[in-house]
């Protein structure tokens, strides 16, 4: 194995705990080991699978994340990434960042050339396979948000972007002066697509209030930023969008006409909070 593929784990081994027994870990050959001999191999692509035989929810397959990466690489979420980078730049105490539910790794890669140690994980092996392509300095992992293999009070920031949260586990791994940056869909997110499939939706307009209420229950809200942009979309990009959004998982596509969609709105609300 290329040594560049596991150097990020060697450099950051002191932050890890075994997800099975919670003991400290060390590097042995190309694996992470603990004192109870639980062993997790570093893959040829440079990530670690801490879940082994567990499967993600239906729909979150390789195609989903490939299409998602294409959409992100086409710039549809650049305005959100820019706001997140600006927020991170405003904090001088952040060294260790967790990208919880990293998907294809887009946001981790945006900030990887900065001053941070980045620990990025997703429940889907297919997602982490896509995210870990190429040599990088990110500790990519297949892991469970309910059992993050990182030490107590060891992180200064958690990114939680368009994905579920576990605030109890977040509180465990965060230090006292830490922040959570969470992105949730705004009410206009994908409104053009939602309008086209409105007959199959319970509500055409999306509400994020329940998610925001949960955030405020667990965190002191420090900042709330709206990041919204409407972008022209071609046929291929629209097809990618349909394949990469959970909105479409239960939609019958047979009798839906997408030809009238020429633009798409990406609307995110960025919540910045300190865990209570």
Protein backbone atom coordinates (compact mmCIF):
# COMPACT_ATOMS: atom_id res chain seq x y z
CA UNK A 1 0.00 0.00 0.00
CA UNK A 2 1.12 3.53 -0.80
CA UNK A 3 2.18 5.08 2.53
CA UNK A 4 0.36 8.27 1.54
CA UNK A 5 -2.88 6.32 1.81
CA UNK A 6 -2.63 5.84 5.57
CA UNK A 7 -0.43 8.69 6.78
CA UNK A 8 -3.52 10.67 7.83
CA UNK A 9 -4.41 7.90 10.30
CA UNK A 10 -0.84 7.64 11.59
CA UNK A 11 -0.75 11.39 12.17
CA UNK A 12 -4.08 11.38 14.01
CA UNK A 13 -4.12 7.99 15.75
CA UNK A 14 -4.31 9.60 19.22
CA UNK A 15 -7.83 10.86 18.49
CA UNK A 16 -9.33 7.41 17.83
CA UNK A 17 -11.07 4.95 20.14
CA UNK A 18 -12.25 1.46 19.33
CA UNK A 19 -15.98 1.52 18.45
CA UNK A 20 -16.39 -1.93 20.03
CA UNK A 21 -14.69 -1.55 23.42
CA UNK A 22 -13.81 2.19 23.63
CA UNK A 23 -10.10 1.54 24.27
CA UNK A 24 -7.24 3.45 22.66
CA UNK A 25 -6.03 2.46 19.21
CA UNK A 26 -2.67 2.17 17.52
CA UNK A 27 -1.36 1.54 14.01
CA UNK A 28 -0.08 -1.93 13.19
CA UNK A 29 0.99 -2.46 9.59
CA UNK A 30 -2.00 -1.15 7.63
CA UNK A 31 -4.64 -1.55 10.34
CA UNK A 32 -5.97 0.22 13.40
CA UNK A 33 -5.79 -2.07 16.43
CA UNK A 34 -6.89 -1.75 20.03
CA UNK A 35 -5.60 -3.41 23.20
CA UNK A 36 -8.41 -5.98 22.95
CA UNK A 37 -7.26 -6.97 19.45
CA UNK A 38 -10.17 -5.48 17.57
CA UNK A 39 -8.77 -4.79 14.12
CA UNK A 40 -9.91 -2.44 11.36
CA UNK A 41 -7.99 -2.44 8.08
CA UNK A 42 -7.11 0.66 6.10
CA UNK A 43 -8.43 -0.04 2.61
CA UNK A 44 -6.43 0.34 -0.60
CA UNK A 45 -8.31 3.61 -1.18
CA UNK A 46 -7.20 4.91 2.20
CA UNK A 47 -10.33 4.71 4.35
CA UNK A 48 -11.40 2.52 7.28
CA UNK A 49 -14.64 0.57 7.49
CA UNK A 50 -15.71 0.48 11.14
CA UNK A 51 -19.10 -1.07 10.30
CA UNK A 52 -18.06 -4.07 8.20
CA UNK A 53 -21.24 -5.97 7.23
CA UNK A 54 -23.92 -3.36 7.93
CA UNK A 55 -25.88 -1.95 5.00
CA UNK A 56 -27.09 1.66 4.54
CA UNK A 57 -30.75 2.50 3.87
CA UNK A 58 -32.10 1.65 0.43
CA UNK A 59 -31.34 4.22 -2.24
CA UNK A 60 -27.97 5.36 -0.92
CA UNK A 61 -25.97 3.33 -3.43
CA UNK A 62 -22.95 4.04 -5.61
CA UNK A 63 -25.06 5.64 -8.36
CA UNK A 64 -26.62 8.03 -5.84
CA UNK A 65 -23.23 9.31 -4.69
CA UNK A 66 -21.68 9.37 -8.18
CA UNK A 67 -24.52 11.57 -9.43
CA UNK A 68 -24.32 13.70 -6.31
CA UNK A 69 -20.62 14.32 -6.89
CA UNK A 70 -21.29 15.34 -10.51
CA UNK A 71 -23.90 17.87 -9.35
CA UNK A 72 -21.59 19.26 -6.70
CA UNK A 73 -18.65 19.45 -9.11
CA UNK A 74 -20.89 21.41 -11.50
CA UNK A 75 -21.11 24.11 -8.83
CA UNK A 76 -24.72 23.80 -7.71
CA UNK A 77 -23.76 23.93 -4.02
CA UNK A 78 -20.80 26.33 -4.25
CA UNK A 79 -22.68 29.12 -2.48
CA UNK A 80 -23.21 26.89 0.56
CA UNK A 81 -19.60 25.67 0.58
CA UNK A 82 -18.39 29.29 0.43
CA UNK A 83 -20.48 30.26 3.45
CA UNK A 84 -19.17 27.28 5.43
CA UNK A 85 -15.56 28.10 4.54
CA UNK A 86 -16.11 31.71 5.60
CA UNK A 87 -17.61 30.59 8.90
CA UNK A 88 -14.65 28.30 9.61
CA UNK A 89 -12.24 31.13 8.82
CA UNK A 90 -13.91 33.25 11.49
CA UNK A 91 -12.87 30.80 14.24
CA UNK A 92 -9.23 30.71 15.28
CA UNK A 93 -9.51 27.81 17.75
CA UNK A 94 -10.65 25.10 15.33
CA UNK A 95 -8.12 22.37 14.61
CA UNK A 96 -10.13 19.12 14.46
CA UNK A 97 -13.27 18.95 12.32
CA UNK A 98 -15.73 16.09 11.96
CA UNK A 99 -17.76 15.89 8.73
CA UNK A 100 -20.65 13.80 10.08
CA UNK A 101 -22.53 12.18 7.20
CA UNK A 102 -19.94 13.32 4.65
CA UNK A 103 -21.51 11.61 1.63
CA UNK A 104 -19.21 11.94 -1.37
CA UNK A 105 -16.83 14.15 0.64
CA UNK A 106 -17.47 17.40 -1.24
CA UNK A 107 -17.34 19.73 1.78
CA UNK A 108 -14.36 17.95 3.34
CA UNK A 109 -12.41 18.34 0.10
CA UNK A 110 -13.31 22.04 -0.07
CA UNK A 111 -11.53 22.70 3.24
CA UNK A 112 -8.81 19.99 3.17
CA UNK A 113 -6.01 22.32 2.09
CA UNK A 114 -6.51 24.52 5.15
CA UNK A 115 -5.15 24.15 8.67
CA UNK A 116 -7.50 21.42 9.90
CA UNK A 117 -7.41 17.74 10.79
CA UNK A 118 -10.54 16.37 9.13
CA UNK A 119 -12.36 13.22 10.24
CA UNK A 120 -15.12 12.45 7.72
CA UNK A 121 -17.53 9.55 7.91
CA UNK A 122 -20.68 8.19 6.38
CA UNK A 123 -22.86 5.15 7.02
CA UNK A 124 -22.57 4.18 3.34
CA UNK A 125 -19.46 2.37 2.10
CA UNK A 126 -20.36 3.46 -1.44
CA UNK A 127 -20.27 7.09 -0.30
CA UNK A 128 -16.85 6.76 1.32
CA UNK A 129 -15.53 4.90 -1.73
CA UNK A 130 -16.38 7.96 -3.82
CA UNK A 131 -15.17 10.44 -1.19
CA UNK A 132 -11.74 8.87 -0.66
CA UNK A 133 -10.57 8.87 -4.27
CA UNK A 134 -7.14 10.35 -4.72
CA UNK A 135 -4.44 11.03 -2.14
CA UNK A 136 -5.65 13.40 0.58
CA UNK A 137 -5.14 14.34 4.21
CA UNK A 138 -8.63 13.39 5.36
CA UNK A 139 -9.41 10.48 7.69
CA UNK A 140 -12.33 8.96 5.78
CA UNK A 141 -14.36 6.30 7.60
CA UNK A 142 -17.43 4.16 7.20
CA UNK A 143 -19.03 4.71 10.57
CA UNK A 144 -22.26 5.08 12.52
CA UNK A 145 -23.40 8.48 13.75
CA UNK A 146 -24.56 6.72 16.92
CA UNK A 147 -21.06 5.40 17.68
CA UNK A 148 -18.35 7.72 16.37
CA UNK A 149 -14.85 6.17 16.90
CA UNK A 150 -13.32 9.39 18.27
CA UNK A 151 -12.31 10.30 21.83
CA UNK A 152 -14.36 12.39 24.23
CA UNK A 153 -13.84 16.17 24.04
CA UNK A 154 -11.38 15.84 21.15
CA UNK A 155 -13.03 17.88 18.37
CA UNK A 156 -13.62 21.61 17.92
CA UNK A 157 -16.19 21.56 15.11
CA UNK A 158 -18.80 19.28 13.57
CA UNK A 159 -20.16 19.78 10.07
CA UNK A 160 -23.59 18.19 9.66
CA UNK A 161 -24.74 19.02 6.15
CA UNK A 162 -28.10 17.87 4.80
CA UNK A 163 -27.92 14.78 7.00
CA UNK A 164 -29.31 13.54 10.36
CA UNK A 165 -27.69 14.46 13.67
CA UNK A 166 -27.02 12.71 16.97
CA UNK A 167 -26.55 15.53 19.46
CA UNK A 168 -25.76 13.24 22.39
CA UNK A 169 -22.85 11.72 20.49
CA UNK A 170 -21.84 15.14 19.16
CA UNK A 171 -21.70 16.47 22.73
CA UNK A 172 -19.46 13.58 23.76
CA UNK A 173 -16.76 14.20 21.15
CA UNK A 174 -16.82 18.02 21.23
CA UNK A 175 -14.65 20.14 23.49
CA UNK A 176 -16.18 22.94 25.56
CA UNK A 177 -15.43 25.76 23.11
CA UNK A 178 -16.72 23.96 20.02
CA UNK A 179 -19.31 24.71 17.36
CA UNK A 180 -21.72 22.71 15.25
CA UNK A 181 -22.39 23.90 11.72
CA UNK A 182 -25.55 22.26 10.45
CA UNK A 183 -27.14 22.81 7.03
CA UNK A 184 -30.82 22.05 6.48
CA UNK A 185 -32.93 22.59 3.36
CA UNK A 186 -34.60 25.99 3.08
CA UNK A 187 -38.27 26.24 2.17
CA UNK A 188 -37.44 26.85 -1.52
CA UNK A 189 -34.97 23.97 -1.85
CA UNK A 190 -35.59 22.17 -5.16
CA UNK A 191 -38.90 24.03 -5.48
CA UNK A 192 -39.02 23.54 -9.26
CA UNK A 193 -38.71 19.78 -8.85
CA UNK A 194 -41.16 19.71 -5.96
CA UNK A 195 -43.72 21.58 -8.07
CA UNK A 196 -43.40 19.04 -10.89
CA UNK A 197 -44.05 16.08 -8.57
CA UNK A 198 -46.50 17.87 -6.25
CA UNK A 199 -49.26 15.32 -6.85
CA UNK A 200 -47.07 12.66 -5.22
CA UNK A 201 -45.95 14.80 -2.28
CA UNK A 202 -47.73 15.33 1.01
CA UNK A 203 -46.69 18.99 0.96
CA UNK A 204 -45.32 20.85 -2.06
CA UNK A 205 -43.51 23.40 0.15
CA UNK A 206 -40.84 22.00 2.45
CA UNK A 207 -40.73 22.99 6.12
CA UNK A 208 -37.53 22.64 8.14
CA UNK A 209 -39.01 23.94 11.39
CA UNK A 210 -39.01 20.59 13.17
CA UNK A 211 -35.30 20.08 12.43
CA UNK A 212 -34.47 23.63 13.55
CA UNK A 213 -36.46 23.16 16.77
CA UNK A 214 -34.46 20.01 17.51
CA UNK A 215 -31.21 21.89 16.87
CA UNK A 216 -32.23 24.67 19.26
CA UNK A 217 -33.26 22.13 21.88
CA UNK A 218 -29.69 20.80 22.00
CA UNK A 219 -27.66 23.85 20.96
CA UNK A 220 -27.43 27.53 21.70
CA UNK A 221 -28.08 29.15 18.31
CA UNK A 222 -25.18 31.51 17.54
CA UNK A 223 -25.93 32.32 13.91
CA UNK A 224 -28.41 31.49 11.15
CA UNK A 225 -27.49 32.15 7.52
CA UNK A 226 -29.61 31.72 4.41
CA UNK A 227 -27.66 30.46 1.38
CA UNK A 228 -29.91 30.37 -1.67
CA UNK A 229 -29.16 30.32 -5.38
CA UNK A 230 -31.13 29.52 -8.54
CA UNK A 231 -29.04 27.99 -11.32
CA UNK A 232 -29.72 27.02 -14.93
CA UNK A 233 -29.86 23.27 -15.38
CA UNK A 234 -29.42 21.17 -18.53
CA UNK A 235 -30.96 17.78 -19.25
CA UNK A 236 -27.98 15.75 -17.99
CA UNK A 237 -27.74 17.78 -14.79
CA UNK A 238 -31.45 17.36 -14.20
CA UNK A 239 -31.12 13.61 -14.63
CA UNK A 240 -28.25 13.64 -12.12
CA UNK A 241 -30.36 15.64 -9.69
CA UNK A 242 -33.23 13.18 -9.92
CA UNK A 243 -30.82 10.32 -9.11
CA UNK A 244 -29.07 12.07 -6.20
CA UNK A 245 -31.88 13.47 -4.07
CA UNK A 246 -33.80 11.45 -1.44
CA UNK A 247 -36.84 13.52 -2.45
CA UNK A 248 -37.21 11.19 -5.44
CA UNK A 249 -36.78 7.84 -3.67
CA UNK A 250 -40.51 7.03 -3.51
CA UNK A 251 -41.65 8.93 -6.59
CA UNK A 252 -43.15 7.15 -9.61
CA UNK A 253 -41.24 8.67 -12.51
CA UNK A 254 -43.23 7.04 -15.31
CA UNK A 255 -45.79 9.79 -15.96
CA UNK A 256 -43.84 12.87 -14.90
CA UNK A 257 -42.66 15.43 -17.48
CA UNK A 258 -39.47 17.24 -16.51
CA UNK A 259 -38.98 19.05 -19.82
CA UNK A 260 -40.22 22.38 -18.47
CA UNK A 261 -37.55 22.55 -15.76
CA UNK A 262 -34.74 24.84 -16.93
CA UNK A 263 -33.44 26.03 -13.57
CA UNK A 264 -33.18 24.68 -10.05
CA UNK A 265 -33.06 26.39 -6.67
CA UNK A 266 -30.58 25.19 -4.06
CA UNK A 267 -31.70 26.67 -0.75
CA UNK A 268 -29.91 25.96 2.50
CA UNK A 269 -30.18 27.34 6.01
CA UNK A 270 -26.88 27.22 7.88
CA UNK A 271 -27.27 26.92 11.63
CA UNK A 272 -24.28 27.63 13.85
CA UNK A 273 -24.57 26.50 17.43
CA UNK A 274 -22.79 25.65 20.64
CA UNK A 275 -23.87 22.41 22.30
CA UNK A 276 -25.75 22.93 25.57
